[in-house]
Protein backbone atom coordinates (compact mmCIF):
# COMPACT_ATOMS: atom_id res chain seq x y z
CA MET A 1 5.79 -18.26 28.71
CA PRO A 2 7.99 -19.85 26.02
CA ILE A 3 6.69 -20.33 22.50
CA ASP A 4 6.45 -23.93 21.40
CA ALA A 5 8.89 -23.94 18.48
CA GLY A 6 8.07 -27.58 17.83
CA HIS A 7 4.54 -26.47 17.06
CA LEU A 8 6.00 -24.08 14.47
CA GLY A 9 7.74 -27.00 12.83
CA HIS A 10 11.36 -26.05 13.58
CA GLY A 11 14.14 -27.55 15.64
CA PRO A 12 14.27 -30.19 18.32
CA ASN A 13 14.36 -27.71 21.23
CA LYS A 14 10.83 -26.57 21.98
CA ASP A 15 11.96 -23.52 23.97
CA GLU A 16 14.02 -21.95 21.17
CA VAL A 17 12.45 -19.59 18.69
CA THR A 18 14.47 -18.42 15.72
CA ALA A 19 14.57 -14.85 14.49
CA GLU A 20 12.96 -16.07 11.27
CA GLN A 21 10.02 -17.49 13.22
CA VAL A 22 9.60 -14.24 15.11
CA VAL A 23 9.54 -12.29 11.85
CA LYS A 24 6.99 -14.70 10.37
CA LEU A 25 4.79 -14.40 13.45
CA ARG A 26 5.01 -10.59 13.41
CA ASP A 27 4.07 -10.57 9.72
CA GLU A 28 1.11 -12.83 10.44
CA VAL A 29 -0.05 -10.60 13.30
CA GLN A 30 0.19 -7.52 11.04
CA HIS A 31 -1.75 -9.32 8.33
CA LEU A 32 -4.47 -10.33 10.79
CA LYS A 33 -4.71 -6.78 12.19
CA HIS A 34 -5.10 -5.44 8.66
CA ALA A 35 -7.77 -8.06 7.89
CA VAL A 36 -9.75 -7.15 11.01
CA THR A 37 -9.57 -3.44 10.18
CA SER A 38 -10.68 -4.10 6.59
CA HIS A 39 -13.54 -6.28 7.82
CA GLU A 40 -14.67 -3.55 10.22
CA THR A 41 -14.60 -0.98 7.43
CA VAL A 42 -16.64 -3.23 5.12
CA ASP A 43 -19.17 -3.80 7.92
CA GLN A 44 -19.45 -0.04 8.45
CA ALA A 45 -19.96 0.52 4.72
CA ILE A 46 -22.66 -2.16 4.68
CA GLY A 47 -24.38 -0.18 7.44
CA VAL A 48 -24.24 3.03 5.43
CA VAL A 49 -25.61 1.33 2.31
CA LEU A 50 -28.37 -0.57 4.09
CA ALA A 51 -29.55 2.60 5.82
CA LEU A 52 -29.38 4.59 2.60
CA GLY A 53 -31.19 2.03 0.46
CA GLN A 54 -33.38 0.46 3.16
CA LEU A 55 -31.79 -2.88 2.34
CA SER A 56 -30.98 -6.04 4.23
CA PRO A 57 -27.34 -6.62 5.18
CA ALA A 58 -27.06 -9.24 2.41
CA GLU A 59 -28.44 -6.81 -0.18
CA ALA A 60 -26.09 -4.06 1.02
CA TRP A 61 -23.17 -6.50 0.71
CA ASP A 62 -24.26 -7.28 -2.87
CA VAL A 63 -24.41 -3.55 -3.65
CA LEU A 64 -20.86 -3.01 -2.33
CA ARG A 65 -19.58 -6.00 -4.27
CA GLU A 66 -21.25 -4.82 -7.49
CA VAL A 67 -19.96 -1.26 -7.07
CA SER A 68 -16.48 -2.69 -6.62
CA MET A 69 -16.71 -4.90 -9.69
CA GLN A 70 -18.34 -2.31 -11.94
CA THR A 71 -15.86 0.44 -11.04
CA ASN A 72 -12.85 -1.89 -10.91
CA VAL A 73 -11.98 -0.60 -7.43
CA LYS A 74 -11.06 -3.03 -4.66
CA LEU A 75 -13.90 -3.72 -2.26
CA ARG A 76 -11.86 -2.49 0.71
CA ILE A 77 -11.26 0.84 -1.05
CA VAL A 78 -14.95 1.17 -1.99
CA ALA A 79 -15.86 0.50 1.64
CA GLU A 80 -13.35 3.07 2.92
CA ARG A 81 -14.69 5.71 0.54
CA ILE A 82 -18.32 5.01 1.43
CA VAL A 83 -17.58 5.23 5.15
CA GLU A 84 -15.71 8.50 4.52
CA TRP A 85 -18.70 9.71 2.47
CA GLY A 86 -20.95 8.96 5.43
CA ARG A 87 -18.78 11.27 7.54
CA THR A 88 -18.00 14.02 5.04
CA GLY A 89 -20.70 13.90 2.38
CA SER A 90 -18.00 13.68 -0.31
CA LEU A 91 -17.81 10.72 -2.72
CA ASP A 92 -16.15 10.66 -6.13
CA ASP A 93 -18.50 10.77 -9.10
CA ALA A 94 -17.73 7.28 -10.45
CA LEU A 95 -18.48 5.55 -7.15
CA ARG A 96 -21.49 7.75 -6.46
CA GLY A 97 -22.94 7.05 -9.90
CA GLU A 98 -22.47 3.30 -9.61
CA LEU A 99 -23.79 3.25 -6.04
CA GLU A 100 -26.91 5.12 -7.15
CA ARG A 101 -27.32 2.73 -10.09
CA GLN A 102 -27.02 -0.33 -7.85
CA LEU A 103 -29.50 1.11 -5.35
CA ASP A 104 -31.94 1.83 -8.21
CA VAL A 105 -31.59 -1.78 -9.40
CA ARG A 106 -32.44 -3.05 -5.90
CA LYS A 107 -35.37 -0.61 -5.64
CA ARG A 108 -36.82 -1.83 -8.98
CA GLU A 109 -36.33 -5.47 -7.94
CA ARG A 110 -38.21 -4.82 -4.72
CA ALA A 111 -41.04 -3.04 -6.54
CA THR A 112 -41.36 -5.99 -8.92
CA GLU A 113 -41.42 -8.44 -6.00
CA ASP A 114 -44.01 -6.34 -4.17
CA ARG A 115 -46.27 -6.23 -7.26
CA ALA A 116 -45.93 -10.00 -7.67
CA GLN A 117 -46.95 -10.58 -4.05
CA VAL A 118 -49.96 -8.27 -4.36
CA SER A 119 -51.21 -10.08 -7.47
CA GLU A 120 -50.99 -13.51 -5.80
């Protein structure tokens, strides 16, 4: 099945695909594959964090994001390390400390919300 080169914005002949277009398409496919893999890793890390902290998926996402920002480590890298930690039990001290801090913050927030609901 020929690729519609006209759709790609090049040349009058719709059945011709240039080498440059092929390279661009291959680069785009690689980028999309990487994005899917990164997304899967982040989802797995969210699962680890939500199980660990008894959090909702949104809260676990916030924890990952905060750990990333506070440690100045890209979110994808934080996610990879947390997933690896789930498998091996090994996590570097900086990430572990910030993860524990973020989970404590969420735990205190929940306790405050629970007390407020009880007093209502």
